[in-house]
PDB file of N, CA and C in Angstrom:
ATOM      1  N   UNK A   1      52.675  32.399  10.760  1.00  0.00           N
ATOM      2  CA  UNK A   1      51.984  32.629   9.503  1.00  0.00           C
ATOM      3  C   UNK A   1      52.395  31.532   8.521  1.00  0.00           C
ATOM      4  N   UNK A   2      51.416  30.840   7.917  1.00  0.00           N
ATOM      5  CA  UNK A   2      51.751  29.773   6.971  1.00  0.00           C
ATOM      6  C   UNK A   2      52.350  30.324   5.686  1.00  0.00           C
ATOM      7  N   UNK A   3      53.149  29.521   5.054  1.00  0.00           N
ATOM      8  CA  UNK A   3      53.769  29.857   3.775  1.00  0.00           C
ATOM      9  C   UNK A   3      52.679  29.866   2.688  1.00  0.00           C
ATOM     10  N   UNK A   4      52.770  30.760   1.676  1.00  0.00           N
ATOM     11  CA  UNK A   4      51.768  30.791   0.607  1.00  0.00           C
ATOM     12  C   UNK A   4      51.567  29.440  -0.087  1.00  0.00           C
ATOM     13  N   UNK A   5      52.619  28.651  -0.224  1.00  0.00           N
ATOM     14  CA  UNK A   5      52.483  27.332  -0.843  1.00  0.00           C
ATOM     15  C   UNK A   5      51.642  26.398   0.025  1.00  0.00           C
ATOM     16  N   UNK A   6      51.750  26.547   1.328  1.00  0.00           N
ATOM     17  CA  UNK A   6      50.952  25.734   2.244  1.00  0.00           C
ATOM     18  C   UNK A   6      49.467  26.095   2.109  1.00  0.00           C
ATOM     19  N   UNK A   7      49.178  27.373   1.988  1.00  0.00           N
ATOM     20  CA  UNK A   7      47.796  27.832   1.793  1.00  0.00           C
ATOM     21  C   UNK A   7      47.270  27.312   0.456  1.00  0.00           C
ATOM     22  N   UNK A   8      48.067  27.469  -0.591  1.00  0.00           N
ATOM     23  CA  UNK A   8      47.675  27.013  -1.923  1.00  0.00           C
ATOM     24  C   UNK A   8      47.357  25.517  -1.917  1.00  0.00           C
ATOM     25  N   UNK A   9      48.221  24.726  -1.329  1.00  0.00           N
ATOM     26  CA  UNK A   9      48.016  23.279  -1.289  1.00  0.00           C
ATOM     27  C   UNK A   9      46.765  22.910  -0.503  1.00  0.00           C
ATOM     28  N   UNK A  10      46.534  23.608   0.606  1.00  0.00           N
ATOM     29  CA  UNK A  10      45.348  23.337   1.425  1.00  0.00           C
ATOM     30  C   UNK A  10      44.072  23.661   0.655  1.00  0.00           C
ATOM     31  N   UNK A  11      44.079  24.764  -0.075  1.00  0.00           N
ATOM     32  CA  UNK A  11      42.920  25.142  -0.884  1.00  0.00           C
ATOM     33  C   UNK A  11      42.668  24.101  -1.970  1.00  0.00           C
ATOM     34  N   UNK A  12      43.701  23.709  -2.671  1.00  0.00           N
ATOM     35  CA  UNK A  12      43.551  22.738  -3.754  1.00  0.00           C
ATOM     36  C   UNK A  12      42.995  21.413  -3.238  1.00  0.00           C
ATOM     37  N   UNK A  13      43.567  20.905  -2.175  1.00  0.00           N
ATOM     38  CA  UNK A  13      43.110  19.628  -1.616  1.00  0.00           C
ATOM     39  C   UNK A  13      41.662  19.746  -1.144  1.00  0.00           C
ATOM     40  N   UNK A  14      41.338  20.850  -0.489  1.00  0.00           N
ATOM     41  CA  UNK A  14      39.976  21.043   0.012  1.00  0.00           C
ATOM     42  C   UNK A  14      38.962  21.001  -1.128  1.00  0.00           C
ATOM     43  N   UNK A  15      39.231  21.738  -2.202  1.00  0.00           N
ATOM     44  CA  UNK A  15      38.290  21.792  -3.323  1.00  0.00           C
ATOM     45  C   UNK A  15      38.205  20.453  -4.040  1.00  0.00           C
ATOM     46  N   UNK A  16      39.321  19.783  -4.228  1.00  0.00           N
ATOM     47  CA  UNK A  16      39.302  18.492  -4.910  1.00  0.00           C
ATOM     48  C   UNK A  16      38.536  17.427  -4.131  1.00  0.00           C
ATOM     49  N   UNK A  17      38.438  17.568  -2.824  1.00  0.00           N
ATOM     50  CA  UNK A  17      37.732  16.577  -2.004  1.00  0.00           C
ATOM     51  C   UNK A  17      36.234  16.824  -1.914  1.00  0.00           C
ATOM     52  N   UNK A  18      35.769  17.957  -2.412  1.00  0.00           N
ATOM     53  CA  UNK A  18      34.349  18.274  -2.333  1.00  0.00           C
ATOM     54  C   UNK A  18      33.578  17.535  -3.421  1.00  0.00           C
ATOM     55  N   UNK A  19      32.372  17.125  -3.091  1.00  0.00           N
ATOM     56  CA  UNK A  19      31.551  16.428  -4.078  1.00  0.00           C
ATOM     57  C   UNK A  19      30.676  17.386  -4.877  1.00  0.00           C
ATOM     58  N   UNK A  20      30.756  18.667  -4.545  1.00  0.00           N
ATOM     59  CA  UNK A  20      30.027  19.685  -5.298  1.00  0.00           C
ATOM     60  C   UNK A  20      30.763  21.014  -5.166  1.00  0.00           C
ATOM     61  N   UNK A  21      30.468  21.976  -6.023  1.00  0.00           N
ATOM     62  CA  UNK A  21      31.128  23.282  -5.928  1.00  0.00           C
ATOM     63  C   UNK A  21      30.869  23.949  -4.585  1.00  0.00           C
ATOM     64  N   UNK A  22      31.841  24.707  -4.108  1.00  0.00           N
ATOM     65  CA  UNK A  22      31.719  25.389  -2.818  1.00  0.00           C
ATOM     66  C   UNK A  22      31.866  26.891  -3.013  1.00  0.00           C
ATOM     67  N   UNK A  23      31.189  27.642  -2.164  1.00  0.00           N
ATOM     68  CA  UNK A  23      31.233  29.097  -2.240  1.00  0.00           C
ATOM     69  C   UNK A  23      32.569  29.626  -1.738  1.00  0.00           C
ATOM     70  N   UNK A  24      32.921  30.798  -2.227  1.00  0.00           N
ATOM     71  CA  UNK A  24      34.183  31.434  -1.854  1.00  0.00           C
ATOM     72  C   UNK A  24      34.316  31.568  -0.345  1.00  0.00           C
ATOM     73  N   UNK A  25      33.279  32.106   0.312  1.00  0.00           N
ATOM     74  CA  UNK A  25      33.385  32.344   1.751  1.00  0.00           C
ATOM     75  C   UNK A  25      33.564  31.051   2.528  1.00  0.00           C
ATOM     76  N   UNK A  26      32.990  29.965   2.023  1.00  0.00           N
ATOM     77  CA  UNK A  26      33.129  28.679   2.719  1.00  0.00           C
ATOM     78  C   UNK A  26      34.589  28.201   2.671  1.00  0.00           C
ATOM     79  N   UNK A  27      35.212  28.308   1.502  1.00  0.00           N
ATOM     80  CA  UNK A  27      36.614  27.920   1.359  1.00  0.00           C
ATOM     81  C   UNK A  27      37.483  28.810   2.234  1.00  0.00           C
ATOM     82  N   UNK A  28      37.228  30.112   2.174  1.00  0.00           N
ATOM     83  CA  UNK A  28      38.033  31.052   2.959  1.00  0.00           C
ATOM     84  C   UNK A  28      37.928  30.766   4.452  1.00  0.00           C
ATOM     85  N   UNK A  29      36.716  30.563   4.948  1.00  0.00           N
ATOM     86  CA  UNK A  29      36.545  30.278   6.380  1.00  0.00           C
ATOM     87  C   UNK A  29      37.263  29.001   6.789  1.00  0.00           C
ATOM     88  N   UNK A  30      37.055  27.941   6.012  1.00  0.00           N
ATOM     89  CA  UNK A  30      37.639  26.646   6.354  1.00  0.00           C
ATOM     90  C   UNK A  30      39.163  26.700   6.398  1.00  0.00           C
ATOM     91  N   UNK A  31      39.776  27.224   5.347  1.00  0.00           N
ATOM     92  CA  UNK A  31      41.238  27.229   5.268  1.00  0.00           C
ATOM     93  C   UNK A  31      41.833  28.261   6.210  1.00  0.00           C
ATOM     94  N   UNK A  32      41.228  29.435   6.308  1.00  0.00           N
ATOM     95  CA  UNK A  32      41.741  30.466   7.220  1.00  0.00           C
ATOM     96  C   UNK A  32      41.717  29.978   8.664  1.00  0.00           C
ATOM     97  N   UNK A  33      40.656  29.307   9.048  1.00  0.00           N
ATOM     98  CA  UNK A  33      40.571  28.778  10.420  1.00  0.00           C
ATOM     99  C   UNK A  33      41.557  27.635  10.635  1.00  0.00           C
ATOM    100  N   UNK A  34      41.676  26.758   9.657  1.00  0.00           N
ATOM    101  CA  UNK A  34      42.555  25.607   9.787  1.00  0.00           C
ATOM    102  C   UNK A  34      44.023  26.030   9.899  1.00  0.00           C
ATOM    103  N   UNK A  35      44.427  27.015   9.094  1.00  0.00           N
ATOM    104  CA  UNK A  35      45.832  27.429   9.058  1.00  0.00           C
ATOM    105  C   UNK A  35      46.109  28.705   9.852  1.00  0.00           C
ATOM    106  N   UNK A  36      45.074  29.257  10.474  1.00  0.00           N
ATOM    107  CA  UNK A  36      45.213  30.497  11.251  1.00  0.00           C
ATOM    108  C   UNK A  36      45.850  31.591  10.392  1.00  0.00           C
ATOM    109  N   UNK A  37      45.177  31.893   9.289  1.00  0.00           N
ATOM    110  CA  UNK A  37      45.661  32.913   8.358  1.00  0.00           C
ATOM    111  C   UNK A  37      44.498  33.818   7.957  1.00  0.00           C
ATOM    112  N   UNK A  38      44.772  34.797   7.132  1.00  0.00           N
ATOM    113  CA  UNK A  38      43.761  35.773   6.715  1.00  0.00           C
ATOM    114  C   UNK A  38      42.979  35.273   5.496  1.00  0.00           C
ATOM    115  N   UNK A  39      41.728  35.700   5.415  1.00  0.00           N
ATOM    116  CA  UNK A  39      40.878  35.345   4.280  1.00  0.00           C
ATOM    117  C   UNK A  39      41.461  35.848   2.963  1.00  0.00           C
ATOM    118  N   UNK A  40      42.077  37.009   2.991  1.00  0.00           N
ATOM    119  CA  UNK A  40      42.642  37.582   1.764  1.00  0.00           C
ATOM    120  C   UNK A  40      43.729  36.685   1.174  1.00  0.00           C
ATOM    121  N   UNK A  41      44.516  36.043   2.030  1.00  0.00           N
ATOM    122  CA  UNK A  41      45.563  35.145   1.537  1.00  0.00           C
ATOM    123  C   UNK A  41      44.956  33.887   0.915  1.00  0.00           C
ATOM    124  N   UNK A  42      43.852  33.432   1.470  1.00  0.00           N
ATOM    125  CA  UNK A  42      43.168  32.272   0.907  1.00  0.00           C
ATOM    126  C   UNK A  42      42.568  32.642  -0.449  1.00  0.00           C
ATOM    127  N   UNK A  43      41.975  33.821  -0.549  1.00  0.00           N
ATOM    128  CA  UNK A  43      41.403  34.255  -1.826  1.00  0.00           C
ATOM    129  C   UNK A  43      42.492  34.404  -2.889  1.00  0.00           C
ATOM    130  N   UNK A  44      43.623  34.921  -2.479  1.00  0.00           N
ATOM    131  CA  UNK A  44      44.754  35.043  -3.411  1.00  0.00           C
ATOM    132  C   UNK A  44      45.161  33.663  -3.937  1.00  0.00           C
ATOM    133  N   UNK A  45      45.184  32.671  -3.053  1.00  0.00           N
ATOM    134  CA  UNK A  45      45.513  31.299  -3.475  1.00  0.00           C
ATOM    135  C   UNK A  45      44.461  30.772  -4.448  1.00  0.00           C
ATOM    136  N   UNK A  46      43.184  31.067  -4.182  1.00  0.00           N
ATOM    137  CA  UNK A  46      42.117  30.657  -5.093  1.00  0.00           C
ATOM    138  C   UNK A  46      42.343  31.234  -6.490  1.00  0.00           C
ATOM    139  N   UNK A  47      42.656  32.509  -6.544  1.00  0.00           N
ATOM    140  CA  UNK A  47      42.858  33.176  -7.837  1.00  0.00           C
ATOM    141  C   UNK A  47      44.068  32.600  -8.580  1.00  0.00           C
ATOM    142  N   UNK A  48      45.143  32.346  -7.868  1.00  0.00           N
ATOM    143  CA  UNK A  48      46.338  31.784  -8.510  1.00  0.00           C
ATOM    144  C   UNK A  48      46.090  30.367  -9.025  1.00  0.00           C
ATOM    145  N   UNK A  49      45.361  29.573  -8.251  1.00  0.00           N
ATOM    146  CA  UNK A  49      45.039  28.218  -8.692  1.00  0.00           C
ATOM    147  C   UNK A  49      44.126  28.246  -9.913  1.00  0.00           C
ATOM    148  N   UNK A  50      43.206  29.200  -9.941  1.00  0.00           N
ATOM    149  CA  UNK A  50      42.328  29.333 -11.106  1.00  0.00           C
ATOM    150  C   UNK A  50      43.141  29.742 -12.337  1.00  0.00           C
ATOM    151  N   UNK A  51      44.029  30.695 -12.177  1.00  0.00           N
ATOM    152  CA  UNK A  51      44.861  31.142 -13.290  1.00  0.00           C
ATOM    153  C   UNK A  51      45.730  30.002 -13.823  1.00  0.00           C
ATOM    154  N   UNK A  52      46.165  29.122 -12.940  1.00  0.00           N
ATOM    155  CA  UNK A  52      46.980  27.985 -13.345  1.00  0.00           C
ATOM    156  C   UNK A  52      46.174  26.819 -13.886  1.00  0.00           C
ATOM    157  N   UNK A  53      44.838  26.904 -13.820  1.00  0.00           N
ATOM    158  CA  UNK A  53      43.989  25.839 -14.341  1.00  0.00           C
ATOM    159  C   UNK A  53      43.815  24.655 -13.411  1.00  0.00           C
ATOM    160  N   UNK A  54      44.256  24.797 -12.159  1.00  0.00           N
ATOM    161  CA  UNK A  54      44.153  23.702 -11.196  1.00  0.00           C
ATOM    162  C   UNK A  54      42.746  23.578 -10.629  1.00  0.00           C
ATOM    163  N   UNK A  55      42.073  24.719 -10.442  1.00  0.00           N
ATOM    164  CA  UNK A  55      40.682  24.743  -9.999  1.00  0.00           C
ATOM    165  C   UNK A  55      39.918  25.668 -10.935  1.00  0.00           C
ATOM    166  N   UNK A  56      38.594  25.594 -10.870  1.00  0.00           N
ATOM    167  CA  UNK A  56      37.749  26.417 -11.736  1.00  0.00           C
ATOM    168  C   UNK A  56      36.760  27.211 -10.897  1.00  0.00           C
ATOM    169  N   UNK A  57      36.333  28.337 -11.468  1.00  0.00           N
ATOM    170  CA  UNK A  57      35.350  29.186 -10.805  1.00  0.00           C
ATOM    171  C   UNK A  57      34.136  29.310 -11.706  1.00  0.00           C
ATOM    172  N   UNK A  58      32.959  29.209 -11.106  1.00  0.00           N
ATOM    173  CA  UNK A  58      31.705  29.456 -11.802  1.00  0.00           C
ATOM    174  C   UNK A  58      31.023  30.600 -11.065  1.00  0.00           C
ATOM    175  N   UNK A  59      30.600  31.630 -11.796  1.00  0.00           N
ATOM    176  CA  UNK A  59      29.894  32.756 -11.196  1.00  0.00           C
ATOM    177  C   UNK A  59      28.417  32.618 -11.541  1.00  0.00           C
ATOM    178  N   UNK A  60      27.589  32.575 -10.520  1.00  0.00           N
ATOM    179  CA  UNK A  60      26.156  32.424 -10.719  1.00  0.00           C
ATOM    180  C   UNK A  60      25.601  33.632 -11.468  1.00  0.00           C
ATOM    181  N   UNK A  61      24.884  33.399 -12.577  1.00  0.00           N
ATOM    182  CA  UNK A  61      24.302  34.530 -13.305  1.00  0.00           C
ATOM    183  C   UNK A  61      23.172  35.204 -12.528  1.00  0.00           C
ATOM    184  N   UNK A  62      22.569  34.497 -11.582  1.00  0.00           N
ATOM    185  CA  UNK A  62      21.458  35.055 -10.810  1.00  0.00           C
ATOM    186  C   UNK A  62      21.916  36.094  -9.788  1.00  0.00           C
ATOM    187  N   UNK A  63      23.008  35.781  -9.059  1.00  0.00           N
ATOM    188  CA  UNK A  63      23.392  36.671  -7.964  1.00  0.00           C
ATOM    189  C   UNK A  63      24.888  36.971  -7.890  1.00  0.00           C
ATOM    190  N   UNK A  64      25.661  36.461  -8.812  1.00  0.00           N
ATOM    191  CA  UNK A  64      27.098  36.763  -8.829  1.00  0.00           C
ATOM    192  C   UNK A  64      27.933  35.974  -7.837  1.00  0.00           C
ATOM    193  N   UNK A  65      27.343  34.999  -7.166  1.00  0.00           N
ATOM    194  CA  UNK A  65      28.071  34.182  -6.198  1.00  0.00           C
ATOM    195  C   UNK A  65      29.118  33.346  -6.913  1.00  0.00           C
ATOM    196  N   UNK A  66      30.331  33.303  -6.345  1.00  0.00           N
ATOM    197  CA  UNK A  66      31.410  32.504  -6.918  1.00  0.00           C
ATOM    198  C   UNK A  66      31.402  31.112  -6.309  1.00  0.00           C
ATOM    199  N   UNK A  67      31.450  30.112  -7.179  1.00  0.00           N
ATOM    200  CA  UNK A  67      31.542  28.724  -6.760  1.00  0.00           C
ATOM    201  C   UNK A  67      32.845  28.157  -7.312  1.00  0.00           C
ATOM    202  N   UNK A  68      33.547  27.387  -6.499  1.00  0.00           N
ATOM    203  CA  UNK A  68      34.828  26.801  -6.880  1.00  0.00           C
ATOM    204  C   UNK A  68      34.685  25.294  -6.958  1.00  0.00           C
ATOM    205  N   UNK A  69      35.365  24.698  -7.939  1.00  0.00           N
ATOM    206  CA  UNK A  69      35.293  23.253  -8.114  1.00  0.00           C
ATOM    207  C   UNK A  69      36.526  22.766  -8.852  1.00  0.00           C
ATOM    208  N   UNK A  70      36.730  21.480  -8.818  1.00  0.00           N
ATOM    209  CA  UNK A  70      37.856  20.856  -9.508  1.00  0.00           C
ATOM    210  C   UNK A  70      37.495  20.657 -10.977  1.00  0.00           C
ATOM    211  N   UNK A  71      38.450  20.850 -11.897  1.00  0.00           N
ATOM    212  CA  UNK A  71      38.152  20.578 -13.304  1.00  0.00           C
ATOM    213  C   UNK A  71      37.840  19.103 -13.561  1.00  0.00           C
ATOM    214  N   UNK A  72      38.124  18.247 -12.606  1.00  0.00           N
ATOM    215  CA  UNK A  72      37.818  16.822 -12.723  1.00  0.00           C
ATOM    216  C   UNK A  72      36.380  16.518 -12.312  1.00  0.00           C
ATOM    217  N   UNK A  73      35.666  17.531 -11.860  1.00  0.00           N
ATOM    218  CA  UNK A  73      34.310  17.370 -11.354  1.00  0.00           C
ATOM    219  C   UNK A  73      33.363  16.868 -12.432  1.00  0.00           C
ATOM    220  N   UNK A  74      32.427  16.027 -12.043  1.00  0.00           N
ATOM    221  CA  UNK A  74      31.386  15.586 -12.961  1.00  0.00           C
ATOM    222  C   UNK A  74      30.154  16.477 -12.883  1.00  0.00           C
ATOM    223  N   UNK A  75      30.119  17.391 -11.914  1.00  0.00           N
ATOM    224  CA  UNK A  75      28.966  18.248 -11.713  1.00  0.00           C
ATOM    225  C   UNK A  75      29.036  19.507 -12.564  1.00  0.00           C
ATOM    226  N   UNK A  76      30.205  20.143 -12.578  1.00  0.00           N
ATOM    227  CA  UNK A  76      30.401  21.340 -13.382  1.00  0.00           C
ATOM    228  C   UNK A  76      31.497  21.077 -14.402  1.00  0.00           C
ATOM    229  N   UNK A  77      31.420  21.736 -15.528  1.00  0.00           N
ATOM    230  CA  UNK A  77      32.404  21.568 -16.582  1.00  0.00           C
ATOM    231  C   UNK A  77      33.533  22.572 -16.402  1.00  0.00           C
ATOM    232  N   UNK A  78      34.753  22.087 -16.328  1.00  0.00           N
ATOM    233  CA  UNK A  78      35.909  22.954 -16.173  1.00  0.00           C
ATOM    234  C   UNK A  78      36.237  23.739 -17.426  1.00  0.00           C
ATOM    235  N   UNK A  79      35.683  23.349 -18.554  1.00  0.00           N
ATOM    236  CA  UNK A  79      35.942  24.047 -19.821  1.00  0.00           C
ATOM    237  C   UNK A  79      35.077  25.291 -19.961  1.00  0.00           C
ATOM    238  N   UNK A  80      33.792  25.159 -19.677  1.00  0.00           N
ATOM    239  CA  UNK A  80      32.891  26.288 -19.924  1.00  0.00           C
ATOM    240  C   UNK A  80      32.171  26.777 -18.672  1.00  0.00           C
ATOM    241  N   UNK A  81      32.284  26.076 -17.540  1.00  0.00           N
ATOM    242  CA  UNK A  81      31.671  26.520 -16.297  1.00  0.00           C
ATOM    243  C   UNK A  81      30.192  26.232 -16.176  1.00  0.00           C
ATOM    244  N   UNK A  82      29.640  25.474 -17.096  1.00  0.00           N
ATOM    245  CA  UNK A  82      28.217  25.153 -17.066  1.00  0.00           C
ATOM    246  C   UNK A  82      27.976  23.855 -16.310  1.00  0.00           C
ATOM    247  N   UNK A  83      26.732  23.666 -15.878  1.00  0.00           N
ATOM    248  CA  UNK A  83      26.360  22.383 -15.312  1.00  0.00           C
ATOM    249  C   UNK A  83      26.661  21.309 -16.341  1.00  0.00           C
ATOM    250  N   UNK A  84      27.276  20.233 -15.932  1.00  0.00           N
ATOM    251  CA  UNK A  84      27.708  19.198 -16.870  1.00  0.00           C
ATOM    252  C   UNK A  84      27.007  17.874 -16.623  1.00  0.00           C
ATOM    253  N   UNK A  85      25.800  17.929 -16.121  1.00  0.00           N
ATOM    254  CA  UNK A  85      25.050  16.709 -15.908  1.00  0.00           C
ATOM    255  C   UNK A  85      24.394  16.289 -17.227  1.00  0.00           C
ATOM    256  N   UNK A  86      24.219  15.004 -17.451  1.00  0.00           N
ATOM    257  CA  UNK A  86      23.590  14.557 -18.699  1.00  0.00           C
ATOM    258  C   UNK A  86      22.230  15.224 -18.912  1.00  0.00           C
ATOM    259  N   UNK A  87      22.048  15.791 -20.094  1.00  0.00           N
ATOM    260  CA  UNK A  87      20.792  16.442 -20.426  1.00  0.00           C
ATOM    261  C   UNK A  87      20.661  17.862 -19.923  1.00  0.00           C
ATOM    262  N   UNK A  88      21.637  18.342 -19.143  1.00  0.00           N
ATOM    263  CA  UNK A  88      21.550  19.679 -18.569  1.00  0.00           C
ATOM    264  C   UNK A  88      22.608  20.605 -19.142  1.00  0.00           C
ATOM    265  N   UNK A  89      23.730  20.048 -19.543  1.00  0.00           N
ATOM    266  CA  UNK A  89      24.843  20.858 -20.060  1.00  0.00           C
ATOM    267  C   UNK A  89      24.339  21.682 -21.242  1.00  0.00           C
ATOM    268  N   UNK A  90      24.444  23.002 -21.133  1.00  0.00           N
ATOM    269  CA  UNK A  90      23.801  23.892 -22.094  1.00  0.00           C
ATOM    270  C   UNK A  90      24.735  24.442 -23.169  1.00  0.00           C
ATOM    271  N   UNK A  91      25.995  24.081 -23.150  1.00  0.00           N
ATOM    272  CA  UNK A  91      26.941  24.607 -24.133  1.00  0.00           C
ATOM    273  C   UNK A  91      27.234  23.557 -25.198  1.00  0.00           C
ATOM    274  N   UNK A  92      26.516  23.599 -26.327  1.00  0.00           N
ATOM    275  CA  UNK A  92      26.677  22.548 -27.339  1.00  0.00           C
ATOM    276  C   UNK A  92      28.067  22.494 -27.967  1.00  0.00           C
ATOM    277  N   UNK A  93      28.806  23.590 -27.965  1.00  0.00           N
ATOM    278  CA  UNK A  93      30.138  23.600 -28.579  1.00  0.00           C
ATOM    279  C   UNK A  93      31.242  23.141 -27.638  1.00  0.00           C
ATOM    280  N   UNK A  94      30.920  22.910 -26.379  1.00  0.00           N
ATOM    281  CA  UNK A  94      31.937  22.517 -25.403  1.00  0.00           C
ATOM    282  C   UNK A  94      32.379  21.074 -25.677  1.00  0.00           C
ATOM    283  N   UNK A  95      33.685  20.826 -25.746  1.00  0.00           N
ATOM    284  CA  UNK A  95      34.177  19.474 -26.022  1.00  0.00           C
ATOM    285  C   UNK A  95      33.870  18.471 -24.903  1.00  0.00           C
ATOM    286  N   UNK A  96      33.559  18.962 -23.702  1.00  0.00           N
ATOM    287  CA  UNK A  96      33.266  18.042 -22.594  1.00  0.00           C
ATOM    288  C   UNK A  96      31.776  17.793 -22.422  1.00  0.00           C
ATOM    289  N   UNK A  97      30.965  18.313 -23.312  1.00  0.00           N
ATOM    290  CA  UNK A  97      29.519  18.136 -23.161  1.00  0.00           C
ATOM    291  C   UNK A  97      29.170  16.656 -23.145  1.00  0.00           C
ATOM    292  N   UNK A  98      28.349  16.265 -22.206  1.00  0.00           N
ATOM    293  CA  UNK A  98      27.928  14.865 -22.107  1.00  0.00           C
ATOM    294  C   UNK A  98      26.643  14.678 -22.888  1.00  0.00           C
ATOM    295  N   UNK A  99      26.565  13.616 -23.604  1.00  0.00           N
ATOM    296  CA  UNK A  99      25.367  13.315 -24.387  1.00  0.00           C
ATOM    297  C   UNK A  99      24.356  12.603 -23.508  1.00  0.00           C
ATOM    298  N   UNK A 100      23.089  12.857 -23.750  1.00  0.00           N
ATOM    299  CA  UNK A 100      22.050  12.149 -23.016  1.00  0.00           C
ATOM    300  C   UNK A 100      21.949  10.729 -23.538  1.00  0.00           C
ATOM    301  N   UNK A 101      21.697   9.773 -22.652  1.00  0.00           N
ATOM    302  CA  UNK A 101      21.620   8.371 -23.088  1.00  0.00           C
ATOM    303  C   UNK A 101      20.394   8.095 -23.938  1.00  0.00           C
TER     304      UNK A 101
END
């Protein structure tokens, strides 16, 4: 059984390497299979990383699906969880809002 820190590190690296947000089940499957551990332990690592501000979660308003991404992402905003593409970011008060050219 892998150490919780090993699971946490694997989750963080996996999410930081993605070019777009990934669904919870995708992260759980990938890391659980790679480290031969339970999905619940991977989800626990996701929650702890989110609480620590290392990764961010966006919940789809349409269907409640959880998407995970790095706060360094250019696709989603780690401050408010909104799409952060130029002209699309919908939170005018967010300090990371990008202005349209």
